[in-house]
C-alpha atoms as a PDB file:
ATOM      1  CA  UNK A   1     -19.711   1.942 -42.959  1.00  0.00           C
ATOM      2  CA  UNK A   2     -19.070   2.020 -46.723  1.00  0.00           C
ATOM      3  CA  UNK A   3     -15.618   0.494 -46.155  1.00  0.00           C
ATOM      4  CA  UNK A   4     -16.928  -2.207 -43.864  1.00  0.00           C
ATOM      5  CA  UNK A   5     -19.560  -3.292 -46.363  1.00  0.00           C
ATOM      6  CA  UNK A   6     -17.088  -3.260 -49.248  1.00  0.00           C
ATOM      7  CA  UNK A   7     -14.801  -5.964 -47.849  1.00  0.00           C
ATOM      8  CA  UNK A   8     -17.380  -8.793 -47.773  1.00  0.00           C
ATOM      9  CA  UNK A   9     -18.527  -7.786 -51.235  1.00  0.00           C
ATOM     10  CA  UNK A  10     -14.983  -8.025 -52.547  1.00  0.00           C
ATOM     11  CA  UNK A  11     -14.667 -11.495 -51.069  1.00  0.00           C
ATOM     12  CA  UNK A  12     -17.945 -12.621 -52.621  1.00  0.00           C
ATOM     13  CA  UNK A  13     -16.973 -11.272 -56.004  1.00  0.00           C
ATOM     14  CA  UNK A  14     -13.791 -13.346 -55.826  1.00  0.00           C
ATOM     15  CA  UNK A  15     -15.817 -16.486 -55.175  1.00  0.00           C
ATOM     16  CA  UNK A  16     -18.213 -15.887 -58.044  1.00  0.00           C
ATOM     17  CA  UNK A  17     -15.561 -14.881 -60.563  1.00  0.00           C
ATOM     18  CA  UNK A  18     -12.775 -17.297 -59.793  1.00  0.00           C
ATOM     19  CA  UNK A  19     -14.365 -20.050 -57.750  1.00  0.00           C
ATOM     20  CA  UNK A  20     -12.163 -19.216 -54.747  1.00  0.00           C
ATOM     21  CA  UNK A  21     -11.206 -16.222 -52.668  1.00  0.00           C
ATOM     22  CA  UNK A  22      -8.342 -14.140 -54.042  1.00  0.00           C
ATOM     23  CA  UNK A  23      -6.267 -11.443 -52.359  1.00  0.00           C
ATOM     24  CA  UNK A  24      -6.500  -9.064 -55.294  1.00  0.00           C
ATOM     25  CA  UNK A  25      -8.173  -6.006 -53.799  1.00  0.00           C
ATOM     26  CA  UNK A  26      -7.445  -3.921 -56.917  1.00  0.00           C
ATOM     27  CA  UNK A  27      -5.266  -1.441 -55.040  1.00  0.00           C
ATOM     28  CA  UNK A  28      -7.817  -0.674 -52.310  1.00  0.00           C
ATOM     29  CA  UNK A  29      -6.836   0.206 -48.749  1.00  0.00           C
ATOM     30  CA  UNK A  30      -7.974  -2.864 -46.792  1.00  0.00           C
ATOM     31  CA  UNK A  31      -5.498  -3.046 -43.906  1.00  0.00           C
ATOM     32  CA  UNK A  32      -2.635  -5.415 -43.148  1.00  0.00           C
ATOM     33  CA  UNK A  33      -3.197  -9.132 -43.660  1.00  0.00           C
ATOM     34  CA  UNK A  34      -2.675 -12.035 -41.242  1.00  0.00           C
ATOM     35  CA  UNK A  35      -3.938 -10.184 -38.200  1.00  0.00           C
ATOM     36  CA  UNK A  36      -5.203 -12.322 -35.284  1.00  0.00           C
ATOM     37  CA  UNK A  37      -8.942 -12.439 -34.813  1.00  0.00           C
ATOM     38  CA  UNK A  38     -10.144 -10.255 -31.945  1.00  0.00           C
ATOM     39  CA  UNK A  39     -12.887 -11.650 -29.746  1.00  0.00           C
ATOM     40  CA  UNK A  40     -14.753  -9.513 -27.214  1.00  0.00           C
ATOM     41  CA  UNK A  41     -12.812  -9.355 -23.965  1.00  0.00           C
ATOM     42  CA  UNK A  42     -14.243 -11.774 -21.433  1.00  0.00           C
ATOM     43  CA  UNK A  43     -14.662 -10.739 -17.824  1.00  0.00           C
ATOM     44  CA  UNK A  44     -11.522 -12.068 -16.102  1.00  0.00           C
ATOM     45  CA  UNK A  45     -12.062 -14.752 -13.469  1.00  0.00           C
ATOM     46  CA  UNK A  46     -12.819 -13.283 -10.057  1.00  0.00           C
ATOM     47  CA  UNK A  47     -13.466  -9.802 -11.441  1.00  0.00           C
ATOM     48  CA  UNK A  48     -16.585  -7.757 -12.116  1.00  0.00           C
ATOM     49  CA  UNK A  49     -17.186  -5.141 -14.829  1.00  0.00           C
ATOM     50  CA  UNK A  50     -17.238  -1.473 -13.928  1.00  0.00           C
ATOM     51  CA  UNK A  51     -18.918   0.305 -16.862  1.00  0.00           C
ATOM     52  CA  UNK A  52     -17.238   3.613 -17.572  1.00  0.00           C
ATOM     53  CA  UNK A  53     -18.981   6.917 -17.067  1.00  0.00           C
ATOM     54  CA  UNK A  54     -18.844  10.378 -15.561  1.00  0.00           C
ATOM     55  CA  UNK A  55     -19.143  11.127 -11.857  1.00  0.00           C
ATOM     56  CA  UNK A  56     -18.363  13.776  -9.287  1.00  0.00           C
ATOM     57  CA  UNK A  57     -15.228  12.687  -7.488  1.00  0.00           C
ATOM     58  CA  UNK A  58     -14.549  14.020  -4.021  1.00  0.00           C
ATOM     59  CA  UNK A  59     -15.932  14.548  -0.545  1.00  0.00           C
ATOM     60  CA  UNK A  60     -19.657  13.963  -0.156  1.00  0.00           C
ATOM     61  CA  UNK A  61     -19.934  14.708   3.565  1.00  0.00           C
ATOM     62  CA  UNK A  62     -18.343  17.078   6.026  1.00  0.00           C
ATOM     63  CA  UNK A  63     -14.562  17.407   5.825  1.00  0.00           C
ATOM     64  CA  UNK A  64     -14.070  16.812   9.538  1.00  0.00           C
ATOM     65  CA  UNK A  65     -10.299  17.235   9.362  1.00  0.00           C
ATOM     66  CA  UNK A  66     -10.635  20.483   7.376  1.00  0.00           C
ATOM     67  CA  UNK A  67      -7.872  19.176   5.128  1.00  0.00           C
ATOM     68  CA  UNK A  68      -9.475  20.349   1.850  1.00  0.00           C
ATOM     69  CA  UNK A  69      -7.568  17.628  -0.044  1.00  0.00           C
ATOM     70  CA  UNK A  70     -10.582  16.191  -1.867  1.00  0.00           C
ATOM     71  CA  UNK A  71     -12.670  18.976  -3.341  1.00  0.00           C
ATOM     72  CA  UNK A  72     -15.386  17.913  -5.777  1.00  0.00           C
ATOM     73  CA  UNK A  73     -14.487  17.537  -9.436  1.00  0.00           C
ATOM     74  CA  UNK A  74     -16.381  15.965 -12.331  1.00  0.00           C
ATOM     75  CA  UNK A  75     -14.285  13.321 -14.109  1.00  0.00           C
ATOM     76  CA  UNK A  76     -14.805  10.606 -16.698  1.00  0.00           C
ATOM     77  CA  UNK A  77     -13.603   7.038 -16.231  1.00  0.00           C
ATOM     78  CA  UNK A  78     -13.241   4.503 -19.054  1.00  0.00           C
ATOM     79  CA  UNK A  79     -14.582   0.984 -18.568  1.00  0.00           C
ATOM     80  CA  UNK A  80     -12.488  -1.428 -16.524  1.00  0.00           C
ATOM     81  CA  UNK A  81     -12.662  -4.597 -14.466  1.00  0.00           C
ATOM     82  CA  UNK A  82     -11.938  -4.926 -10.751  1.00  0.00           C
ATOM     83  CA  UNK A  83     -11.503  -7.855  -8.387  1.00  0.00           C
ATOM     84  CA  UNK A  84     -14.783  -8.775  -6.745  1.00  0.00           C
ATOM     85  CA  UNK A  85     -13.067  -8.950  -3.359  1.00  0.00           C
ATOM     86  CA  UNK A  86      -9.756  -8.057  -1.814  1.00  0.00           C
ATOM     87  CA  UNK A  87      -6.915 -10.476  -2.558  1.00  0.00           C
ATOM     88  CA  UNK A  88      -7.095 -13.242   0.024  1.00  0.00           C
ATOM     89  CA  UNK A  89      -4.388 -15.027   1.980  1.00  0.00           C
ATOM     90  CA  UNK A  90      -4.760 -18.156  -0.123  1.00  0.00           C
ATOM     91  CA  UNK A  91      -4.680 -16.264  -3.424  1.00  0.00           C
ATOM     92  CA  UNK A  92      -1.528 -14.507  -2.313  1.00  0.00           C
ATOM     93  CA  UNK A  93      -0.110 -17.868  -1.206  1.00  0.00           C
ATOM     94  CA  UNK A  94      -0.356 -19.104  -4.811  1.00  0.00           C
ATOM     95  CA  UNK A  95       1.845 -16.169  -5.772  1.00  0.00           C
ATOM     96  CA  UNK A  96       4.350 -16.768  -2.956  1.00  0.00           C
ATOM     97  CA  UNK A  97       4.622 -20.463  -3.797  1.00  0.00           C
ATOM     98  CA  UNK A  98       5.249 -19.642  -7.454  1.00  0.00           C
ATOM     99  CA  UNK A  99       8.009 -17.108  -6.855  1.00  0.00           C
ATOM    100  CA  UNK A 100       9.723 -19.413  -4.421  1.00  0.00           C
ATOM    101  CA  UNK A 101      10.013 -21.926  -7.248  1.00  0.00           C
ATOM    102  CA  UNK A 102      11.156 -19.464  -9.886  1.00  0.00           C
ATOM    103  CA  UNK A 103      14.205 -17.275  -9.767  1.00  0.00           C
ATOM    104  CA  UNK A 104      13.733 -13.552  -9.481  1.00  0.00           C
ATOM    105  CA  UNK A 105      15.875 -13.100 -12.605  1.00  0.00           C
ATOM    106  CA  UNK A 106      13.534 -15.310 -14.644  1.00  0.00           C
ATOM    107  CA  UNK A 107      10.670 -12.957 -13.848  1.00  0.00           C
ATOM    108  CA  UNK A 108      12.690  -9.980 -15.003  1.00  0.00           C
ATOM    109  CA  UNK A 109      12.719  -8.285 -11.626  1.00  0.00           C
ATOM    110  CA  UNK A 110      15.322  -7.559  -8.955  1.00  0.00           C
ATOM    111  CA  UNK A 111      12.981  -7.498  -5.965  1.00  0.00           C
ATOM    112  CA  UNK A 112      14.001  -9.727  -3.048  1.00  0.00           C
ATOM    113  CA  UNK A 113      11.729 -12.732  -2.521  1.00  0.00           C
ATOM    114  CA  UNK A 114      11.610 -12.428   1.240  1.00  0.00           C
ATOM    115  CA  UNK A 115      10.191  -8.917   0.924  1.00  0.00           C
ATOM    116  CA  UNK A 116       7.255 -10.315  -1.022  1.00  0.00           C
ATOM    117  CA  UNK A 117       6.252 -12.606   1.815  1.00  0.00           C
ATOM    118  CA  UNK A 118       3.517 -11.079   4.019  1.00  0.00           C
ATOM    119  CA  UNK A 119       5.015  -9.484   7.109  1.00  0.00           C
ATOM    120  CA  UNK A 120       3.124 -11.237   9.895  1.00  0.00           C
ATOM    121  CA  UNK A 121       4.861  -9.158  12.573  1.00  0.00           C
ATOM    122  CA  UNK A 122       2.531  -6.261  11.704  1.00  0.00           C
ATOM    123  CA  UNK A 123       0.024  -7.726  14.154  1.00  0.00           C
ATOM    124  CA  UNK A 124       2.475  -6.968  16.945  1.00  0.00           C
ATOM    125  CA  UNK A 125       4.238  -3.883  15.574  1.00  0.00           C
ATOM    126  CA  UNK A 126       1.194  -1.815  14.600  1.00  0.00           C
ATOM    127  CA  UNK A 127      -0.262  -1.559  18.095  1.00  0.00           C
ATOM    128  CA  UNK A 128       1.396  -1.123  21.487  1.00  0.00           C
ATOM    129  CA  UNK A 129       0.260  -3.166  24.476  1.00  0.00           C
ATOM    130  CA  UNK A 130      -1.774  -5.431  22.228  1.00  0.00           C
ATOM    131  CA  UNK A 131      -1.826  -9.224  22.251  1.00  0.00           C
ATOM    132  CA  UNK A 132      -1.190  -9.773  18.574  1.00  0.00           C
ATOM    133  CA  UNK A 133       0.878 -12.936  18.899  1.00  0.00           C
ATOM    134  CA  UNK A 134      -1.926 -15.368  17.959  1.00  0.00           C
ATOM    135  CA  UNK A 135      -2.559 -13.488  14.722  1.00  0.00           C
ATOM    136  CA  UNK A 136       1.171 -13.254  14.041  1.00  0.00           C
ATOM    137  CA  UNK A 137       1.331 -17.043  14.244  1.00  0.00           C
ATOM    138  CA  UNK A 138      -1.900 -18.043  12.510  1.00  0.00           C
ATOM    139  CA  UNK A 139      -3.356 -15.258  10.323  1.00  0.00           C
ATOM    140  CA  UNK A 140      -1.429 -16.023   7.148  1.00  0.00           C
ATOM    141  CA  UNK A 141      -0.446 -19.648   7.735  1.00  0.00           C
ATOM    142  CA  UNK A 142      -3.583 -21.329   9.068  1.00  0.00           C
ATOM    143  CA  UNK A 143      -6.333 -22.595   6.696  1.00  0.00           C
ATOM    144  CA  UNK A 144      -8.934 -20.946   8.933  1.00  0.00           C
ATOM    145  CA  UNK A 145      -7.836 -17.609   7.474  1.00  0.00           C
ATOM    146  CA  UNK A 146      -7.525 -18.656   3.813  1.00  0.00           C
ATOM    147  CA  UNK A 147     -10.451 -16.472   2.708  1.00  0.00           C
ATOM    148  CA  UNK A 148      -9.466 -13.432   4.748  1.00  0.00           C
ATOM    149  CA  UNK A 149      -7.755 -10.464   3.060  1.00  0.00           C
ATOM    150  CA  UNK A 150      -3.983 -10.635   2.922  1.00  0.00           C
ATOM    151  CA  UNK A 151      -2.246  -7.921   4.955  1.00  0.00           C
ATOM    152  CA  UNK A 152       1.355  -7.105   5.771  1.00  0.00           C
ATOM    153  CA  UNK A 153       2.005  -6.397   2.082  1.00  0.00           C
ATOM    154  CA  UNK A 154       3.571  -3.098   1.046  1.00  0.00           C
ATOM    155  CA  UNK A 155       2.858  -1.157  -2.157  1.00  0.00           C
ATOM    156  CA  UNK A 156       5.842  -2.661  -3.994  1.00  0.00           C
ATOM    157  CA  UNK A 157       4.759  -6.218  -3.216  1.00  0.00           C
ATOM    158  CA  UNK A 158       1.201  -5.476  -4.357  1.00  0.00           C
ATOM    159  CA  UNK A 159       2.576  -4.140  -7.658  1.00  0.00           C
ATOM    160  CA  UNK A 160       4.789  -7.198  -8.061  1.00  0.00           C
ATOM    161  CA  UNK A 161       1.793  -9.466  -7.477  1.00  0.00           C
ATOM    162  CA  UNK A 162      -0.059  -7.702 -10.317  1.00  0.00           C
ATOM    163  CA  UNK A 163       2.935  -8.203 -12.613  1.00  0.00           C
ATOM    164  CA  UNK A 164       3.176 -11.906 -11.749  1.00  0.00           C
ATOM    165  CA  UNK A 165      -0.576 -12.392 -12.242  1.00  0.00           C
ATOM    166  CA  UNK A 166      -0.375 -10.793 -15.693  1.00  0.00           C
ATOM    167  CA  UNK A 167       2.444 -13.108 -16.758  1.00  0.00           C
ATOM    168  CA  UNK A 168       0.670 -16.154 -15.358  1.00  0.00           C
ATOM    169  CA  UNK A 169      -2.548 -15.441 -17.243  1.00  0.00           C
ATOM    170  CA  UNK A 170      -0.974 -14.439 -20.538  1.00  0.00           C
ATOM    171  CA  UNK A 171       1.398 -17.417 -20.567  1.00  0.00           C
ATOM    172  CA  UNK A 172      -1.709 -19.592 -20.439  1.00  0.00           C
ATOM    173  CA  UNK A 173      -3.377 -17.541 -23.176  1.00  0.00           C
ATOM    174  CA  UNK A 174      -0.309 -17.926 -25.384  1.00  0.00           C
ATOM    175  CA  UNK A 175      -0.345 -21.705 -24.965  1.00  0.00           C
ATOM    176  CA  UNK A 176      -3.987 -21.748 -26.041  1.00  0.00           C
ATOM    177  CA  UNK A 177      -3.366 -19.485 -29.021  1.00  0.00           C
ATOM    178  CA  UNK A 178      -5.421 -16.657 -27.549  1.00  0.00           C
ATOM    179  CA  UNK A 179      -4.644 -12.961 -27.619  1.00  0.00           C
ATOM    180  CA  UNK A 180      -3.067 -11.568 -24.441  1.00  0.00           C
ATOM    181  CA  UNK A 181      -5.157  -9.705 -21.908  1.00  0.00           C
ATOM    182  CA  UNK A 182      -4.214  -6.244 -20.666  1.00  0.00           C
ATOM    183  CA  UNK A 183      -2.055  -6.281 -17.565  1.00  0.00           C
ATOM    184  CA  UNK A 184      -3.460  -6.622 -14.079  1.00  0.00           C
ATOM    185  CA  UNK A 185      -2.532  -3.578 -11.994  1.00  0.00           C
ATOM    186  CA  UNK A 186      -3.472  -1.585  -8.936  1.00  0.00           C
ATOM    187  CA  UNK A 187      -6.449   0.693  -9.604  1.00  0.00           C
ATOM    188  CA  UNK A 188      -5.931   4.403  -9.924  1.00  0.00           C
ATOM    189  CA  UNK A 189      -7.398   6.473  -7.108  1.00  0.00           C
ATOM    190  CA  UNK A 190     -10.118   7.777  -9.426  1.00  0.00           C
ATOM    191  CA  UNK A 191     -11.005   4.263 -10.610  1.00  0.00           C
ATOM    192  CA  UNK A 192     -11.165   3.062  -7.025  1.00  0.00           C
ATOM    193  CA  UNK A 193     -13.541   5.822  -5.944  1.00  0.00           C
ATOM    194  CA  UNK A 194     -15.706   5.396  -9.048  1.00  0.00           C
ATOM    195  CA  UNK A 195     -15.918   1.645  -8.401  1.00  0.00           C
ATOM    196  CA  UNK A 196     -16.684   2.168  -4.701  1.00  0.00           C
ATOM    197  CA  UNK A 197     -19.681   4.335  -5.573  1.00  0.00           C
ATOM    198  CA  UNK A 198     -21.055   1.534  -7.734  1.00  0.00           C
ATOM    199  CA  UNK A 199     -22.610   3.900 -10.278  1.00  0.00           C
ATOM    200  CA  UNK A 200     -24.356   6.039  -7.686  1.00  0.00           C
ATOM    201  CA  UNK A 201     -23.834   9.784  -7.766  1.00  0.00           C
ATOM    202  CA  UNK A 202     -22.813  11.667  -4.647  1.00  0.00           C
ATOM    203  CA  UNK A 203     -23.221   8.810  -2.171  1.00  0.00           C
ATOM    204  CA  UNK A 204     -21.455   8.754   1.179  1.00  0.00           C
ATOM    205  CA  UNK A 205     -20.840   5.009   1.280  1.00  0.00           C
ATOM    206  CA  UNK A 206     -20.718   2.188  -1.302  1.00  0.00           C
ATOM    207  CA  UNK A 207     -24.240   1.148  -0.249  1.00  0.00           C
ATOM    208  CA  UNK A 208     -25.536   4.726  -0.477  1.00  0.00           C
ATOM    209  CA  UNK A 209     -25.934   6.056   3.003  1.00  0.00           C
ATOM    210  CA  UNK A 210     -25.908   8.130   5.063  1.00  0.00           C
ATOM    211  CA  UNK A 211     -26.111   5.379   7.690  1.00  0.00           C
ATOM    212  CA  UNK A 212     -23.823   2.433   8.462  1.00  0.00           C
ATOM    213  CA  UNK A 213     -26.694   0.149   9.547  1.00  0.00           C
ATOM    214  CA  UNK A 214     -29.525  -1.226   7.461  1.00  0.00           C
ATOM    215  CA  UNK A 215     -33.209  -1.062   8.424  1.00  0.00           C
ATOM    216  CA  UNK A 216     -32.800  -4.169  10.585  1.00  0.00           C
ATOM    217  CA  UNK A 217     -29.988  -2.576  12.560  1.00  0.00           C
ATOM    218  CA  UNK A 218     -27.226  -4.714  11.031  1.00  0.00           C
ATOM    219  CA  UNK A 219     -23.834  -3.173  10.310  1.00  0.00           C
ATOM    220  CA  UNK A 220     -23.005  -2.817   6.615  1.00  0.00           C
ATOM    221  CA  UNK A 221     -19.210  -2.968   6.903  1.00  0.00           C
ATOM    222  CA  UNK A 222     -16.364  -4.116   9.136  1.00  0.00           C
ATOM    223  CA  UNK A 223     -14.965  -1.106  10.998  1.00  0.00           C
ATOM    224  CA  UNK A 224     -14.710   0.439  14.482  1.00  0.00           C
ATOM    225  CA  UNK A 225     -18.255   1.550  15.381  1.00  0.00           C
ATOM    226  CA  UNK A 226     -17.330   3.181  18.682  1.00  0.00           C
ATOM    227  CA  UNK A 227     -14.539   3.859  21.131  1.00  0.00           C
ATOM    228  CA  UNK A 228     -13.184   0.519  22.280  1.00  0.00           C
ATOM    229  CA  UNK A 229     -15.888  -1.267  20.271  1.00  0.00           C
ATOM    230  CA  UNK A 230     -14.566  -3.356  17.398  1.00  0.00           C
ATOM    231  CA  UNK A 231     -16.942  -6.320  17.575  1.00  0.00           C
ATOM    232  CA  UNK A 232     -20.366  -4.677  17.115  1.00  0.00           C
ATOM    233  CA  UNK A 233     -20.168  -5.437  13.392  1.00  0.00           C
ATOM    234  CA  UNK A 234     -19.519  -9.117  14.063  1.00  0.00           C
ATOM    235  CA  UNK A 235     -15.712  -9.145  13.781  1.00  0.00           C
ATOM    236  CA  UNK A 236     -13.008  -7.906  16.119  1.00  0.00           C
ATOM    237  CA  UNK A 237     -10.350  -7.886  13.388  1.00  0.00           C
ATOM    238  CA  UNK A 238     -10.697  -8.583   9.660  1.00  0.00           C
ATOM    239  CA  UNK A 239     -13.595 -10.576   8.250  1.00  0.00           C
ATOM    240  CA  UNK A 240     -13.804 -13.147   5.490  1.00  0.00           C
ATOM    241  CA  UNK A 241     -14.018 -11.339   2.161  1.00  0.00           C
ATOM    242  CA  UNK A 242     -17.595 -10.931   0.973  1.00  0.00           C
ATOM    243  CA  UNK A 243     -19.118 -11.074   4.448  1.00  0.00           C
ATOM    244  CA  UNK A 244     -21.246  -7.981   3.789  1.00  0.00           C
ATOM    245  CA  UNK A 245     -23.524  -6.966   0.924  1.00  0.00           C
ATOM    246  CA  UNK A 246     -21.856  -5.870  -2.343  1.00  0.00           C
ATOM    247  CA  UNK A 247     -22.416  -2.481  -3.944  1.00  0.00           C
ATOM    248  CA  UNK A 248     -24.332  -1.999  -7.194  1.00  0.00           C
ATOM    249  CA  UNK A 249     -21.336  -3.056  -9.315  1.00  0.00           C
ATOM    250  CA  UNK A 250     -21.096  -6.314  -7.357  1.00  0.00           C
ATOM    251  CA  UNK A 251     -17.944  -5.326  -5.452  1.00  0.00           C
ATOM    252  CA  UNK A 252     -17.507  -6.434  -1.848  1.00  0.00           C
ATOM    253  CA  UNK A 253     -15.765  -4.634   1.020  1.00  0.00           C
ATOM    254  CA  UNK A 254     -15.186  -1.335  -0.760  1.00  0.00           C
ATOM    255  CA  UNK A 255     -15.646   0.139   2.709  1.00  0.00           C
ATOM    256  CA  UNK A 256     -14.001  -1.408   5.755  1.00  0.00           C
ATOM    257  CA  UNK A 257     -12.298  -4.746   6.359  1.00  0.00           C
ATOM    258  CA  UNK A 258      -8.912  -3.558   5.045  1.00  0.00           C
ATOM    259  CA  UNK A 259      -7.855  -0.344   3.371  1.00  0.00           C
ATOM    260  CA  UNK A 260      -6.557  -0.839  -0.163  1.00  0.00           C
ATOM    261  CA  UNK A 261      -3.467   0.317  -2.023  1.00  0.00           C
ATOM    262  CA  UNK A 262      -4.016   2.434  -5.128  1.00  0.00           C
ATOM    263  CA  UNK A 263      -1.453   3.028  -7.850  1.00  0.00           C
ATOM    264  CA  UNK A 264      -1.333   6.818  -7.392  1.00  0.00           C
ATOM    265  CA  UNK A 265       1.181   8.808  -5.452  1.00  0.00           C
ATOM    266  CA  UNK A 266      -0.487  10.933  -2.784  1.00  0.00           C
ATOM    267  CA  UNK A 267      -0.510  14.694  -3.255  1.00  0.00           C
ATOM    268  CA  UNK A 268      -2.665  17.115  -1.290  1.00  0.00           C
ATOM    269  CA  UNK A 269      -3.300  19.271  -4.350  1.00  0.00           C
ATOM    270  CA  UNK A 270      -3.829  16.483  -6.866  1.00  0.00           C
ATOM    271  CA  UNK A 271      -7.564  17.094  -7.391  1.00  0.00           C
ATOM    272  CA  UNK A 272      -7.277  20.462  -9.180  1.00  0.00           C
ATOM    273  CA  UNK A 273      -4.082  19.419 -10.991  1.00  0.00           C
ATOM    274  CA  UNK A 274      -4.824  16.019 -12.558  1.00  0.00           C
ATOM    275  CA  UNK A 275      -6.814  15.761 -15.784  1.00  0.00           C
ATOM    276  CA  UNK A 276     -10.561  15.161 -15.776  1.00  0.00           C
ATOM    277  CA  UNK A 277     -10.378  12.059 -18.009  1.00  0.00           C
ATOM    278  CA  UNK A 278      -8.978   8.928 -16.343  1.00  0.00           C
ATOM    279  CA  UNK A 279      -6.979  11.054 -13.863  1.00  0.00           C
ATOM    280  CA  UNK A 280      -3.890   9.585 -12.265  1.00  0.00           C
ATOM    281  CA  UNK A 281      -0.882  10.877 -10.370  1.00  0.00           C
ATOM    282  CA  UNK A 282       2.245   8.778 -11.012  1.00  0.00           C
ATOM    283  CA  UNK A 283       5.280  10.068  -9.138  1.00  0.00           C
ATOM    284  CA  UNK A 284       8.200   7.770  -8.335  1.00  0.00           C
ATOM    285  CA  UNK A 285       9.753  10.479  -6.182  1.00  0.00           C
ATOM    286  CA  UNK A 286       6.776  10.601  -3.823  1.00  0.00           C
ATOM    287  CA  UNK A 287       6.978   7.798  -1.215  1.00  0.00           C
ATOM    288  CA  UNK A 288       3.414   8.338  -0.037  1.00  0.00           C
ATOM    289  CA  UNK A 289       0.885   6.211  -1.927  1.00  0.00           C
ATOM    290  CA  UNK A 290      -2.889   6.463  -1.795  1.00  0.00           C
ATOM    291  CA  UNK A 291      -4.882   4.024   0.314  1.00  0.00           C
ATOM    292  CA  UNK A 292      -8.666   4.028   0.258  1.00  0.00           C
ATOM    293  CA  UNK A 293     -11.705   2.493   1.891  1.00  0.00           C
ATOM    294  CA  UNK A 294     -10.966   2.385   5.613  1.00  0.00           C
ATOM    295  CA  UNK A 295     -10.377  -0.773   7.618  1.00  0.00           C
ATOM    296  CA  UNK A 296     -11.456  -2.886  10.559  1.00  0.00           C
ATOM    297  CA  UNK A 297      -9.643  -0.566  12.986  1.00  0.00           C
ATOM    298  CA  UNK A 298     -10.927   2.736  11.500  1.00  0.00           C
ATOM    299  CA  UNK A 299     -13.867   4.927  12.464  1.00  0.00           C
ATOM    300  CA  UNK A 300     -16.790   5.613  10.143  1.00  0.00           C
ATOM    301  CA  UNK A 301     -15.234   8.686   8.493  1.00  0.00           C
ATOM    302  CA  UNK A 302     -12.558   6.619   6.758  1.00  0.00           C
ATOM    303  CA  UNK A 303     -15.211   4.353   5.192  1.00  0.00           C
ATOM    304  CA  UNK A 304     -16.664   7.219   3.150  1.00  0.00           C
ATOM    305  CA  UNK A 305     -16.136   6.971  -0.609  1.00  0.00           C
ATOM    306  CA  UNK A 306     -14.645  10.468  -0.727  1.00  0.00           C
ATOM    307  CA  UNK A 307     -12.140  10.195   2.134  1.00  0.00           C
ATOM    308  CA  UNK A 308      -8.495  10.243   1.031  1.00  0.00           C
ATOM    309  CA  UNK A 309      -5.613   8.721   2.968  1.00  0.00           C
ATOM    310  CA  UNK A 310      -2.059   7.500   2.357  1.00  0.00           C
ATOM    311  CA  UNK A 311       0.697   5.231   3.621  1.00  0.00           C
ATOM    312  CA  UNK A 312       4.388   5.078   2.782  1.00  0.00           C
ATOM    313  CA  UNK A 313       5.112   2.731  -0.099  1.00  0.00           C
ATOM    314  CA  UNK A 314       7.572   0.562   1.822  1.00  0.00           C
ATOM    315  CA  UNK A 315       5.315   0.182   4.864  1.00  0.00           C
ATOM    316  CA  UNK A 316       3.221  -2.917   5.482  1.00  0.00           C
ATOM    317  CA  UNK A 317       0.290  -2.818   7.875  1.00  0.00           C
ATOM    318  CA  UNK A 318      -2.195  -5.180   9.497  1.00  0.00           C
ATOM    319  CA  UNK A 319      -5.017  -3.088   8.068  1.00  0.00           C
ATOM    320  CA  UNK A 320      -3.935  -2.542   4.440  1.00  0.00           C
ATOM    321  CA  UNK A 321      -4.490  -4.993   1.587  1.00  0.00           C
ATOM    322  CA  UNK A 322      -5.263  -4.584  -2.095  1.00  0.00           C
ATOM    323  CA  UNK A 323      -7.214  -5.741  -5.119  1.00  0.00           C
ATOM    324  CA  UNK A 324      -6.388  -5.656  -8.840  1.00  0.00           C
ATOM    325  CA  UNK A 325      -7.982  -3.922 -11.797  1.00  0.00           C
ATOM    326  CA  UNK A 326      -7.694  -4.244 -15.582  1.00  0.00           C
ATOM    327  CA  UNK A 327      -8.641  -1.901 -18.392  1.00  0.00           C
ATOM    328  CA  UNK A 328     -11.351  -2.914 -20.845  1.00  0.00           C
ATOM    329  CA  UNK A 329     -10.207  -2.677 -24.467  1.00  0.00           C
ATOM    330  CA  UNK A 330     -11.701  -2.873 -27.925  1.00  0.00           C
ATOM    331  CA  UNK A 331     -15.052  -1.247 -27.195  1.00  0.00           C
ATOM    332  CA  UNK A 332     -16.528   2.060 -26.134  1.00  0.00           C
ATOM    333  CA  UNK A 333     -16.980   3.269 -22.591  1.00  0.00           C
ATOM    334  CA  UNK A 334     -19.938   1.068 -21.725  1.00  0.00           C
ATOM    335  CA  UNK A 335     -20.411  -1.436 -24.528  1.00  0.00           C
ATOM    336  CA  UNK A 336     -19.872  -5.055 -23.645  1.00  0.00           C
ATOM    337  CA  UNK A 337     -19.326  -4.564 -19.923  1.00  0.00           C
ATOM    338  CA  UNK A 338     -22.766  -5.699 -18.849  1.00  0.00           C
ATOM    339  CA  UNK A 339     -22.747  -8.999 -20.695  1.00  0.00           C
END
């Protein structure tokens, strides 16, 4: 505090003594000059703040598969931002249109453009003896589905989207003379679970629980309520993003609709191995990547905040999408995130 008060006083003394501000700090340690001014980080468009904190990560209900892959562990998560909803077809279309206009080399990547396009054949390939042809033809291309979550995107494509989004935003910031934002990225598994709980401790579902209906009997997520019953929640397949109530952080569809890619590699024993501060498990040699949240075709168990699952990184599915996150910088764990 003494240092912080000294700098304005030095400036004032320069004004009184010489009539203008001088850079003669008399040999004091005042830091490098000509640094850009830092303004508090604004909440990125389409995102909501997730104030950092400590929570018990892991299973909150019975481990029905007896897998023991998600034992409880107390961890601390720093503040971050997360997309309010899953990335939609139309948002992803902006990305596809942009990369079709730019060369892959210009973006500094060697990923093939066609592999970034959503694989619409997943609606036929994922299920045998299923009439998926109408969705194959219309789900991504028709305006009726613009606000539905994009699917048919593998882990690599989701990562590439985050990279493109970062460059798009920071190119605009540079033109406006503003400091760059941190990169958009897939959330870590721990961040995803912390965000899904919405600040609640030990809850089964993002809305609390333990039930999947509210007091009026309405379903609280898009999933498979019973054998052969997909439509009891109002939708046979995916639903428009934000069709159900958000959790306490303001995040929609953290349970159901589509499962979501996380950045982490999947490892059965990761819980006792990873650190207890911002834990993550990066492993390029592990092709299995974490997916969380359950989907429109999953039973209730997979909607639980503590249920872990995975898919192979090069696999695209009709029930897996994603959303982006971004770290919060320049402040403490909670300061500034509730503005």
